[in-house]
Protein backbone atom coordinates (compact mmCIF):
# COMPACT_ATOMS: atom_id res chain seq x y z
CA VAL A 1 -16.38 12.51 -15.12
CA LEU A 2 -13.22 10.48 -15.64
CA SER A 3 -11.75 11.44 -12.24
CA PRO A 4 -12.99 8.25 -10.49
CA VAL A 5 -11.55 6.14 -13.30
CA SER A 6 -8.14 7.65 -13.32
CA ALA A 7 -8.07 7.74 -9.49
CA GLY A 8 -9.03 4.03 -9.40
CA ILE A 9 -6.31 3.12 -11.79
CA SER A 10 -3.72 5.13 -9.82
CA ARG A 11 -4.86 3.44 -6.50
CA ALA A 12 -4.45 0.06 -8.08
CA MET A 13 -0.81 1.01 -9.23
CA GLU A 14 -0.07 2.29 -5.72
CA ARG A 15 -1.22 -0.97 -4.22
CA GLU A 16 1.07 -2.89 -6.66
CA ALA A 17 3.91 -0.69 -5.64
CA ASP A 18 3.33 -1.31 -2.01
CA LYS A 19 3.31 -5.05 -2.64
CA PHE A 20 6.61 -4.78 -4.65
CA SER A 21 8.33 -2.81 -1.90
CA LEU A 22 7.15 -5.19 0.76
CA GLU A 23 8.25 -8.28 -1.10
CA LEU A 24 11.61 -6.69 -1.75
CA THR A 25 12.29 -5.57 1.76
CA ARG A 26 9.84 -7.51 3.97
CA LEU A 27 9.82 -4.42 6.26
CA ASN A 28 6.06 -4.23 7.11
CA GLN A 29 6.25 -2.56 10.37
CA PRO A 30 8.68 0.22 9.29
CA MET A 31 6.44 0.96 6.21
CA ALA A 32 3.37 1.18 8.39
CA THR A 33 5.25 3.52 10.68
CA ALA A 34 6.24 5.66 7.69
CA PHE A 35 2.55 5.94 6.71
CA ILE A 36 1.59 6.92 10.24
CA LYS A 37 4.28 9.67 10.16
CA LEU A 38 2.99 10.81 6.73
CA ALA A 39 -0.46 11.12 8.10
CA GLU A 40 0.71 13.08 11.07
CA ASP A 41 2.90 15.38 9.01
CA SER A 42 0.52 16.06 6.18
CA LYS A 43 -2.59 16.41 8.38
CA VAL A 44 -4.53 14.35 5.74
CA ASN A 45 -7.68 12.58 6.83
CA PRO A 46 -6.50 8.89 7.28
CA GLU A 47 -9.99 7.59 6.75
CA PRO A 48 -11.99 9.71 4.30
CA HIS A 49 -15.56 8.92 3.37
CA PRO A 50 -15.63 6.09 0.90
CA PHE A 51 -17.25 8.20 -1.82
CA ILE A 52 -14.59 11.00 -1.43
CA GLU A 53 -11.85 8.35 -1.59
CA PHE A 54 -13.47 6.69 -4.72
CA TRP A 55 -14.02 10.13 -6.47
CA ARG A 56 -10.80 12.01 -5.54
CA TYR A 57 -8.03 9.91 -4.01
CA SER A 58 -5.19 8.79 -6.26
CA HIS A 59 -3.81 6.72 -3.44
CA PRO A 60 -5.52 4.33 -1.08
CA SER A 61 -6.46 6.01 2.22
CA LEU A 62 -3.66 5.90 4.80
CA ASN A 63 -5.63 3.63 7.15
CA LYS A 64 -6.25 1.16 4.32
CA ARG A 65 -2.52 1.32 3.39
CA ILE A 66 -1.47 0.75 6.98
CA GLU A 67 -3.81 -2.20 7.36
CA PHE A 68 -2.59 -3.69 4.13
CA VAL A 69 1.07 -3.40 4.83
CA LEU A 70 0.74 -4.94 8.27
CA ASP A 71 -1.17 -7.88 6.90
CA TYR A 72 0.58 -8.51 3.54
CA LYS A 73 3.09 -11.30 4.13
CA PRO A 74 2.73 -13.96 1.49
CA TRP A 75 6.13 -15.38 2.41
CA GLU A 76 4.67 -16.43 5.79
CA ARG A 77 1.62 -18.13 4.21
CA THR A 78 3.56 -20.07 1.55
CA LEU A 79 1.83 -17.99 -1.13
CA PRO A 80 3.79 -17.09 -4.19
CA GLU A 81 5.49 -13.75 -4.13
CA ARG A 82 5.09 -11.52 -7.18
CA ILE A 83 8.69 -10.58 -7.67
CA ALA A 84 11.73 -12.71 -8.25
CA ARG A 85 13.96 -12.92 -5.20
CA PRO A 86 17.54 -14.02 -5.52
CA VAL A 87 18.48 -17.45 -4.33
CA PRO A 88 20.83 -17.26 -1.35
CA ARG A 89 24.31 -18.44 -2.01
CA GLY A 90 26.23 -20.65 0.29
């Protein structure tokens, strides 16, 4: 009964981890490419039925993650980033 709750919490934490890594590296395309390779290697369904994802998946579906990482660029839209970036010296 608690599977959807724990899976939802895990998916939210995974989304935050994706944001953190993107803000740290700003390597959107390579991250998306890595997710595509992961989908090919693991033979996982990249777009499961929404109910199955809700009930069982501890990570967002690969298609959702790929779409997210290609779109998430707050530094291009003058939105605040969520992590502190060092100020360039010089």
